[in-house]
Every structure is written in C-alpha cells, then in structure tokens.
Amino acid sequence: MSVPLPPDCEVGPDVEIEAAQIEVGPGCRIGISDGDDFRTPPGVRIRVRRLVLGAGVQIGRSVRIEGGEIRLDDGVRVLRHSTINVAEELHIGAGGTLGESCEISGRRVRIGQELWMLPGAKIGGGSAFERDSLLDAGHFLHLGVQSLVNTARPVRIGNEVGLGTRTSIYTHGAYPSRLMGFPVAFDGVEIGDHTWVPGAVINPGVRIGRNCVIGVNSLVSGDIPDGALAAGSPAKVIKEGAYPRPLSPEGRRAFFTEFLDGYARILGTDDRTEAADGRVQLRAEGTRYVAVFGDGVGEAGDAQAGGERTVLIGDAPAADGDGVTVLDTGARRARGVADAASDRLTNELRRHGIRFYSRPRDGRYVDWGEPAPFLLP
C-alpha cells in the first residue's frame, strides 16, 4: 500500500514496504547509506501486518523485517544486515539499537527502552515460533557480541541486565532420543534486575535472582538467589548477599576522584584540581566537570560564574541554570543542558554501570522512566 510519509523522512533506493497498516513518525531514515556501501548493497524488505515507527527511527541497508505487529519506538536503530522475523508482536522501546548482523525472531518479543545489541547477537533460535515462545525484558538490556537468547519457552529478564559476549540462554535442550534415556529439557528462564552474566551458559529452567554476578565461562544449571556471586561449571554460589554493596561516603568520594582522573586522560587534559571542601574538578574543551559530595552538592555558587559551561556529578545536586548539566547519581536522573560534552560523560559513566533514566530532547534532558531500585539484602 502507498502511505504518505512525513516530509523530513528519508527513504533509500530499493526499499519495499508491505503492510496492512503503517504509522511512521517524523525524521525516520529507511535504507539510507551509512558510508559503508562497499559491504552493504542497497535495499530494505519489510513485510508485516502492522508497522509502527516512532520519531527518528533508523533502518539501515540490507535489512529484512517480517511478521505481525512491529513497533519500534522513538530513536530505535536497526543497523545493516540485521533481520527481524516476529510472528505476532515485536515492541522495542525508545533508544534501542540492533547492531550489525543482529537477529530477532520468535512469536512475541517485548523489550524496554535503551536496548543495546552488539554485532551478531541473536534472539530466537530453535522452536522460537512455537506457541509458548516469549521474551519479556526490561530497560537497558545489553546483549554482547554473538550472545544468544533462545525463546522456545518464555524468557523473562528484568531491568539493567547485561548478557556479555557469547552468553547463551537456552530454554530447550534435546538431540538424541529420550526413549533411549538421553536428557531432554524444555523450560523457561528468568533473570532479575541488575544482574551481570558475562560469557556464561544458562540452561533451561534456571532462575537467577536480582543483583547477581555470574563468573565468566560459568555453566548455570541451577537457581541462583538474589544478591549472589556465583561461578564455575556447574555454577556454585561463592558468596550469598554479596550485592548490592553501596559505597560509603568516603568510598564514593574515592570513586569520583579516580573516575575524573581517568576521564581527564580520556579528554587529554591535566587541568584537574581538588578544592578544600573536597570537590574534584577538571576543565577540558571549554567545559568544567565537578564531582560534588554530600549536603554541599546543592551549592551552585560558582558553577555558573561567567556563564562557564559546567557539568555537576554527585548525589542529589540541585544546581541548575544556563550552561549547567546536573548528573544526579543518587536519583539516576540528568537535568539541564544536553550537548556533546554531557553525552560523552554520561556514556563514560555508563561504562561503570551508572545509568540515567533521562535522555536529551531539544538540547535539554527529560526523564523517561522510573529507575529500578537496588534492593538491599
């Protein structure tokens, strides 16, 4: 069917879209070159029952999308050579990314905001189109390079869960005949909020709790309780109640001091100072970065002096105004100015597991969700 697109949408060559219903938001780019034409021939094929694209969605070249209702919210990116085939419903929340050569297949897939799939990550696999197939995942799901989430049976994943490089989740395991006594397993998998699984294998029927860390190369064949550190093959609980383990005020101060030392090296500056009140700051590329602590963080004071571009990092900082960005690591919110300097810093904080439920919009930060709490043991 022919559908009028918003005037600021871009469509590349050899793009074919077939759908009974289509809704396309402003600023979408479908089949547009990303500068790597020699590896990526033009063309996009989309054949679905209903297609809903939010504002600013990007679909790269050599992408195929098939299935039922496909909903990609604002700012979702599907990069080149990726494939989507979801029979009933796919919903990816705002800000998500499918990296190069990723795959999502199955019957029902629902993922929250800020998904990050690195190249070669796959959702689906054997029996993924059977009636019980489901992936229901929260915000900030990370799937590392060549990771696999098999959805023959339901997989439920909480918020801020990371599945590192080559991590595999299996919900079925079978090959030789059960009649000959060989093992056969079909069962779902659950993983709680704030859990990190780097390079492990998770077998059918496993329940991993909240706030867990699983050691690299582990084989998880049994349940892991909340807050546990577990490792091995098969994985054993090394320490119960290991996480979360909030840093003391002194520990937080030490972290931010070390963090800004490292960030100064990234920015290529040695202009780092520590004030008498303990605040640590550095200057680079026309921006001042200040780590503030405790009750004093609300003292904007000289933060806006002379209109200097300032980024404040700390627990519940209250300063606001022209040229000021506030990264509240307690509430996990960002406020104020959003630009290249603040984006670069929030990305570096993300590498340390510090995420903000705010995103840029028209040069300012806006909140988009409720942070998942770190429940203490």
Protein backbone atom coordinates (compact mmCIF):
# COMPACT_ATOMS: atom_id res chain seq x y z
CA MET A 1 0.00 0.00 0.00
CA SER A 2 1.10 3.57 -0.61
CA VAL A 3 1.45 5.66 2.52
CA PRO A 4 2.38 9.35 2.67
CA LEU A 5 5.49 9.85 4.79
CA PRO A 6 6.33 12.89 6.91
CA PRO A 7 8.25 15.42 4.81
CA ASP A 8 11.50 15.02 6.76
CA CYS A 9 11.68 11.23 6.34
CA GLU A 10 14.35 9.75 4.06
CA VAL A 11 13.99 6.54 2.07
CA GLY A 12 16.90 5.00 0.19
CA PRO A 13 16.92 3.01 -3.05
CA ASP A 14 15.31 -0.41 -3.42
CA VAL A 15 13.12 -0.13 -0.30
CA GLU A 16 9.91 -2.19 -0.32
CA ILE A 17 7.32 -1.97 2.47
CA GLU A 18 4.20 -4.15 2.51
CA ALA A 19 1.80 -3.78 5.45
CA ALA A 20 -1.91 -3.59 6.12
CA GLN A 21 -1.28 -0.65 8.48
CA ILE A 22 1.67 1.76 8.62
CA GLU A 23 2.44 4.61 11.02
CA VAL A 24 5.69 6.50 10.51
CA GLY A 25 6.92 9.27 12.78
CA PRO A 26 8.96 12.30 11.73
CA GLY A 27 12.65 12.09 10.96
CA CYS A 28 12.77 8.38 10.05
CA ARG A 29 15.54 7.09 7.77
CA ILE A 30 14.96 3.80 5.94
CA GLY A 31 17.60 2.20 3.75
CA ILE A 32 19.95 5.18 3.87
CA SER A 33 23.68 4.58 3.39
CA ASP A 34 25.87 4.74 6.50
CA GLY A 35 29.02 5.26 4.46
CA ASP A 36 29.93 1.57 4.14
CA ASP A 37 28.46 0.96 0.72
CA PHE A 38 31.15 -1.43 -0.49
CA ARG A 39 30.00 -4.02 2.10
CA THR A 40 26.33 -3.16 2.15
CA PRO A 41 24.28 -3.14 -1.04
CA PRO A 42 21.14 -1.00 -1.02
CA GLY A 43 17.75 -2.41 -0.23
CA VAL A 44 15.28 -3.00 2.61
CA ARG A 45 12.43 -5.51 2.66
CA ILE A 46 9.60 -5.05 5.16
CA ARG A 47 6.55 -7.35 5.01
CA VAL A 48 4.40 -7.16 8.14
CA ARG A 49 0.80 -6.90 9.26
CA ARG A 50 1.32 -3.59 11.06
CA LEU A 51 4.36 -1.32 11.14
CA VAL A 52 4.73 1.48 13.70
CA LEU A 53 7.89 3.58 13.58
CA GLY A 54 8.45 6.32 16.16
CA ALA A 55 10.23 9.59 15.55
CA GLY A 56 13.80 9.31 14.34
CA VAL A 57 13.83 5.54 13.75
CA GLN A 58 16.73 4.41 11.55
CA ILE A 59 16.67 1.22 9.48
CA GLY A 60 19.93 0.52 7.69
CA ARG A 61 20.60 -1.08 4.33
CA SER A 62 20.27 -4.83 3.68
CA VAL A 63 17.72 -5.21 6.48
CA ARG A 64 14.78 -7.63 6.35
CA ILE A 65 11.74 -7.27 8.63
CA GLU A 66 8.82 -9.73 8.58
CA GLY A 67 5.95 -10.68 10.87
CA GLY A 68 2.89 -9.40 12.66
CA GLU A 69 2.84 -6.09 14.55
CA ILE A 70 6.29 -4.49 14.56
CA ARG A 71 6.63 -1.42 16.78
CA LEU A 72 9.92 0.46 17.03
CA ASP A 73 9.69 3.46 19.37
CA ASP A 74 11.47 6.82 19.06
CA GLY A 75 15.13 6.69 18.14
CA VAL A 76 15.41 2.92 17.63
CA ARG A 77 18.17 1.91 15.22
CA VAL A 78 18.29 -1.31 13.18
CA LEU A 79 21.74 -1.42 11.62
CA ARG A 80 22.83 -3.04 8.38
CA HIS A 81 22.42 -6.76 7.66
CA SER A 82 20.04 -7.28 10.60
CA THR A 83 16.95 -9.49 10.42
CA ILE A 84 13.63 -9.33 12.28
CA ASN A 85 11.04 -12.09 11.93
CA VAL A 86 8.46 -11.98 14.75
CA ALA A 87 5.16 -13.66 14.00
CA GLU A 88 2.82 -11.90 16.45
CA GLU A 89 4.31 -8.87 18.22
CA LEU A 90 7.64 -7.10 18.48
CA HIS A 91 7.93 -3.96 20.61
CA ILE A 92 11.29 -2.28 21.20
CA GLY A 93 11.29 0.75 23.49
CA ALA A 94 12.84 4.11 22.72
CA GLY A 95 16.57 4.46 22.22
CA GLY A 96 17.21 0.81 21.37
CA THR A 97 19.91 -0.41 18.97
CA LEU A 98 20.24 -3.61 16.97
CA GLY A 99 23.87 -3.71 15.88
CA GLU A 100 25.20 -5.02 12.61
CA SER A 101 24.03 -8.53 11.65
CA CYS A 102 21.74 -8.99 14.65
CA GLU A 103 18.66 -11.22 14.58
CA ILE A 104 15.35 -11.18 16.42
CA SER A 105 12.90 -13.98 15.69
CA GLY A 106 10.02 -15.64 17.51
CA ARG A 107 6.35 -15.12 18.29
CA ARG A 108 6.29 -12.38 20.95
CA VAL A 109 9.22 -10.12 21.88
CA ARG A 110 8.83 -7.13 24.20
CA ILE A 111 11.92 -5.15 25.25
CA GLY A 112 12.06 -1.92 27.24
CA GLN A 113 13.97 1.24 26.46
CA GLU A 114 17.70 1.59 25.75
CA LEU A 115 18.27 -1.92 24.37
CA TRP A 116 21.82 -2.48 23.14
CA MET A 117 22.55 -5.50 20.90
CA LEU A 118 26.14 -5.78 19.73
CA PRO A 119 27.03 -7.35 16.35
CA GLY A 120 25.91 -10.92 15.86
CA ALA A 121 23.62 -11.04 18.91
CA LYS A 122 20.58 -13.25 18.41
CA ILE A 123 17.14 -13.61 19.97
CA GLY A 124 15.19 -16.70 18.84
CA GLY A 125 16.74 -20.00 17.82
CA GLY A 126 15.22 -23.47 17.79
CA SER A 127 11.45 -23.75 18.45
CA ALA A 128 11.21 -19.93 18.71
CA PHE A 129 7.97 -19.91 16.72
CA GLU A 130 6.07 -22.31 18.95
CA ARG A 131 3.05 -21.15 20.95
CA ASP A 132 4.93 -20.66 24.25
CA SER A 133 7.71 -18.56 22.72
CA LEU A 134 8.21 -15.23 24.55
CA LEU A 135 10.89 -12.72 25.50
CA ASP A 136 9.77 -10.09 28.01
CA ALA A 137 12.71 -7.86 29.02
CA GLY A 138 13.09 -4.56 30.85
CA HIS A 139 15.06 -1.37 30.25
CA PHE A 140 18.80 -1.23 29.49
CA LEU A 141 19.08 -4.82 28.28
CA HIS A 142 22.61 -5.46 26.96
CA LEU A 143 23.36 -8.35 24.61
CA GLY A 144 27.06 -8.78 23.87
CA VAL A 145 28.75 -9.92 20.68
CA GLN A 146 27.37 -13.29 19.48
CA SER A 147 25.15 -13.72 22.51
CA LEU A 148 22.05 -15.91 22.22
CA VAL A 149 18.67 -15.82 23.90
CA ASN A 150 16.70 -18.89 22.87
CA THR A 151 12.96 -18.40 23.30
CA ALA A 152 11.47 -21.84 22.75
CA ARG A 153 9.92 -21.27 26.18
CA PRO A 154 9.32 -17.93 27.97
CA VAL A 155 12.36 -15.85 28.94
CA ARG A 156 11.73 -13.03 31.42
CA ILE A 157 14.51 -10.54 32.11
CA GLY A 158 14.44 -7.57 34.49
CA ASN A 159 15.85 -4.06 34.15
CA GLU A 160 19.55 -3.30 33.68
CA VAL A 161 20.61 -6.86 32.88
CA GLY A 162 23.81 -7.46 30.93
CA LEU A 163 24.49 -10.63 28.96
CA GLY A 164 28.13 -10.40 27.90
CA THR A 165 29.97 -11.70 24.85
CA ARG A 166 28.85 -15.21 23.82
CA THR A 167 26.49 -15.61 26.75
CA SER A 168 23.83 -18.16 25.82
CA ILE A 169 20.39 -18.71 27.34
CA TYR A 170 18.73 -21.99 26.39
CA THR A 171 15.11 -22.89 27.02
CA HIS A 172 15.33 -26.26 25.34
CA GLY A 173 17.98 -28.92 25.15
CA ALA A 174 17.47 -32.10 23.16
CA TYR A 175 19.02 -34.12 20.38
CA PRO A 176 19.40 -37.91 20.95
CA SER A 177 16.24 -39.90 21.65
CA ARG A 178 14.54 -39.56 25.02
CA LEU A 179 13.35 -43.14 24.53
CA MET A 180 16.99 -44.17 24.74
CA GLY A 181 17.41 -42.38 28.05
CA PHE A 182 19.10 -39.23 26.78
CA PRO A 183 18.32 -35.92 28.58
CA VAL A 184 15.63 -33.65 27.16
CA ALA A 185 14.66 -30.31 28.71
CA PHE A 186 12.09 -27.64 27.83
CA ASP A 187 11.61 -24.84 30.38
CA GLY A 188 11.71 -21.07 30.69
CA VAL A 189 14.43 -18.86 32.20
CA GLU A 190 14.14 -15.84 34.49
CA ILE A 191 16.78 -13.23 35.38
CA GLY A 192 16.20 -10.44 37.90
CA ASP A 193 17.12 -6.73 37.82
CA HIS A 194 20.75 -5.53 37.91
CA THR A 195 22.31 -8.88 37.07
CA TRP A 196 25.52 -9.34 35.07
CA VAL A 197 26.18 -12.57 33.15
CA PRO A 198 29.43 -12.33 31.13
CA GLY A 199 30.21 -15.23 28.82
CA ALA A 200 28.14 -17.86 30.61
CA VAL A 201 25.71 -20.60 29.56
CA ILE A 202 22.29 -20.72 31.23
CA ASN A 203 20.34 -23.97 30.98
CA PRO A 204 16.56 -24.45 30.73
CA GLY A 205 14.56 -23.90 33.89
CA VAL A 206 17.11 -21.65 35.64
CA ARG A 207 16.02 -18.71 37.82
CA ILE A 208 18.72 -16.13 38.54
CA GLY A 209 17.78 -13.53 41.15
CA ARG A 210 18.25 -9.78 41.33
CA ASN A 211 21.64 -8.11 41.86
CA CYS A 212 23.65 -11.19 40.90
CA VAL A 213 27.05 -11.57 39.24
CA ILE A 214 27.89 -14.78 37.38
CA GLY A 215 31.53 -15.58 36.66
CA VAL A 216 32.89 -15.76 33.12
CA ASN A 217 32.58 -19.16 31.41
CA SER A 218 30.18 -20.47 34.04
CA LEU A 219 27.55 -23.12 33.32
CA VAL A 220 24.40 -22.19 35.23
CA SER A 221 22.24 -25.29 35.65
CA GLY A 222 20.51 -24.43 38.96
CA ASP A 223 18.81 -21.46 40.56
CA ILE A 224 20.90 -18.55 41.91
CA PRO A 225 19.45 -16.48 44.81
CA ASP A 226 19.23 -12.68 44.95
CA GLY A 227 22.49 -10.85 45.51
CA ALA A 228 24.76 -13.83 44.92
CA LEU A 229 28.19 -14.11 43.38
CA ALA A 230 28.33 -17.44 41.56
CA ALA A 231 30.84 -19.12 39.25
CA GLY A 232 32.00 -22.47 37.94
CA SER A 233 30.82 -25.37 35.83
CA PRO A 234 28.33 -26.11 37.15
CA ALA A 235 27.99 -22.69 38.80
CA LYS A 236 28.10 -22.63 42.59
CA VAL A 237 27.25 -19.74 44.90
CA ILE A 238 30.57 -18.33 46.12
CA LYS A 239 29.02 -15.67 48.33
CA GLU A 240 25.42 -15.03 49.31
CA GLY A 241 24.24 -11.46 49.82
CA ALA A 242 27.30 -10.12 48.01
CA TYR A 243 25.36 -7.41 46.14
CA PRO A 244 24.39 -4.64 46.21
CA ARG A 245 27.15 -3.27 48.39
CA PRO A 246 26.73 0.54 48.47
CA LEU A 247 29.93 2.52 48.86
CA SER A 248 30.45 4.61 51.97
CA PRO A 249 30.70 8.42 51.54
CA GLU A 250 34.46 8.03 51.59
CA GLY A 251 34.26 5.27 49.02
CA ARG A 252 32.07 7.36 46.74
CA ARG A 253 34.49 10.27 47.01
CA ALA A 254 37.38 7.96 46.14
CA PHE A 255 35.47 6.59 43.15
CA PHE A 256 34.66 10.02 41.71
CA THR A 257 38.23 11.20 42.25
CA GLU A 258 39.58 8.15 40.41
CA PHE A 259 36.88 8.44 37.74
CA LEU A 260 37.71 12.07 36.95
CA ASP A 261 41.43 11.23 36.89
CA GLY A 262 40.68 8.65 34.21
CA TYR A 263 38.32 10.98 32.38
CA ALA A 264 40.99 13.68 32.32
CA ARG A 265 43.25 11.24 30.47
CA ILE A 266 40.46 10.46 28.01
CA LEU A 267 39.95 14.17 27.34
CA GLY A 268 43.68 14.81 27.17
CA THR A 269 43.87 17.39 29.95
CA ASP A 270 45.87 17.70 33.15
CA ASP A 271 43.77 20.60 34.46
CA ARG A 272 42.38 18.74 37.47
CA THR A 273 42.09 20.26 40.94
CA GLU A 274 40.65 19.35 44.33
CA ALA A 275 39.01 22.11 46.38
CA ALA A 276 39.22 22.50 50.16
CA ASP A 277 35.64 21.25 50.50
CA GLY A 278 36.64 18.01 48.75
CA ARG A 279 35.04 18.76 45.42
CA VAL A 280 37.07 17.46 42.49
CA GLN A 281 37.01 19.23 39.17
CA LEU A 282 38.67 19.26 35.79
CA ARG A 283 38.48 21.53 32.78
CA ALA A 284 38.64 20.47 29.16
CA GLU A 285 37.33 21.68 25.82
CA GLY A 286 35.53 24.66 27.34
CA THR A 287 33.68 22.63 29.97
CA ARG A 288 34.22 22.33 33.70
CA TYR A 289 33.38 18.95 35.28
CA VAL A 290 32.79 18.99 39.04
CA ALA A 291 32.24 15.99 41.34
CA VAL A 292 30.34 17.15 44.42
CA PHE A 293 29.52 15.21 47.56
CA GLY A 294 27.12 15.12 50.49
CA ASP A 295 24.95 18.04 51.55
CA GLY A 296 27.15 20.57 49.75
CA VAL A 297 26.14 19.44 46.30
CA GLY A 298 23.26 21.89 46.15
CA GLU A 299 25.57 24.87 46.38
CA ALA A 300 25.55 26.12 42.80
CA GLY A 301 27.78 29.04 43.78
CA ASP A 302 30.45 29.50 41.18
CA ALA A 303 29.04 26.78 38.94
CA GLN A 304 27.53 29.43 36.69
CA ALA A 305 30.18 32.09 37.20
CA GLY A 306 30.85 33.95 33.98
CA GLY A 307 28.46 31.68 32.11
CA GLU A 308 31.00 28.87 32.16
CA ARG A 309 29.83 25.54 30.80
CA THR A 310 29.58 23.28 33.87
CA VAL A 311 28.68 19.63 34.47
CA LEU A 312 27.98 18.61 38.07
CA ILE A 313 28.20 14.94 39.10
CA GLY A 314 27.09 13.69 42.50
CA ASP A 315 24.32 12.71 44.89
CA ALA A 316 21.23 14.90 44.54
CA PRO A 317 22.96 18.04 43.21
CA ALA A 318 20.41 20.85 42.94
CA ALA A 319 22.23 23.45 40.84
CA ASP A 320 20.56 24.47 37.60
CA GLY A 321 20.76 27.31 35.12
CA ASP A 322 22.20 28.36 31.79
CA GLY A 323 25.13 26.23 30.76
CA VAL A 324 24.73 23.76 33.63
CA THR A 325 24.15 19.99 33.46
CA VAL A 326 23.35 18.04 36.62
CA LEU A 327 24.02 14.29 36.73
CA ASP A 328 22.31 13.08 39.89
CA THR A 329 23.86 9.69 40.60
CA GLY A 330 21.59 9.14 43.60
CA ALA A 331 18.27 9.53 41.77
CA ARG A 332 19.87 8.41 38.48
CA ARG A 333 18.47 11.45 36.66
CA ALA A 334 20.06 14.04 34.39
CA ARG A 335 18.88 17.64 34.28
CA GLY A 336 19.74 20.80 32.41
CA VAL A 337 21.79 21.22 29.26
CA ALA A 338 22.27 18.23 26.95
CA ASP A 339 25.12 18.52 24.48
CA ALA A 340 28.15 16.65 23.18
CA ALA A 341 30.09 17.21 26.42
CA SER A 342 27.37 15.82 28.70
CA ASP A 343 26.61 12.96 26.30
CA ARG A 344 30.25 11.90 26.29
CA LEU A 345 30.39 11.96 30.08
CA THR A 346 27.13 10.03 30.59
CA ASN A 347 28.42 7.40 28.18
CA GLU A 348 31.62 7.04 30.20
CA LEU A 349 29.61 6.74 33.42
CA ARG A 350 27.52 4.04 31.72
CA ARG A 351 30.72 2.06 31.21
CA HIS A 352 30.96 2.00 35.01
CA GLY A 353 27.35 0.79 35.33
CA ILE A 354 25.98 4.25 36.24
CA ARG A 355 22.91 4.88 34.10
CA PHE A 356 20.42 7.73 33.97
CA TYR A 357 16.72 7.43 33.22
CA SER A 358 16.83 10.68 31.28
CA ARG A 359 17.68 11.44 27.66
CA PRO A 360 18.34 14.53 25.52
CA ARG A 361 15.47 16.31 23.84
CA ASP A 362 15.85 19.67 22.13
CA GLY A 363 19.05 20.43 23.99
CA ARG A 364 17.75 19.55 27.48
CA TYR A 365 17.42 16.34 29.48
CA VAL A 366 13.97 14.85 30.04
CA ASP A 367 13.03 11.92 32.28
CA TRP A 368 11.58 8.84 30.62
CA GLY A 369 11.15 6.13 33.24
CA GLU A 370 11.34 5.07 36.87
CA PRO A 371 14.76 3.66 37.83
CA ALA A 372 14.74 0.08 39.03
CA PRO A 373 15.63 0.13 42.75
CA PHE A 374 18.66 -1.67 44.13
CA LEU A 375 17.01 -3.65 46.90
CA LEU A 376 19.37 -4.26 49.81
CA PRO A 377 19.65 -7.81 51.19
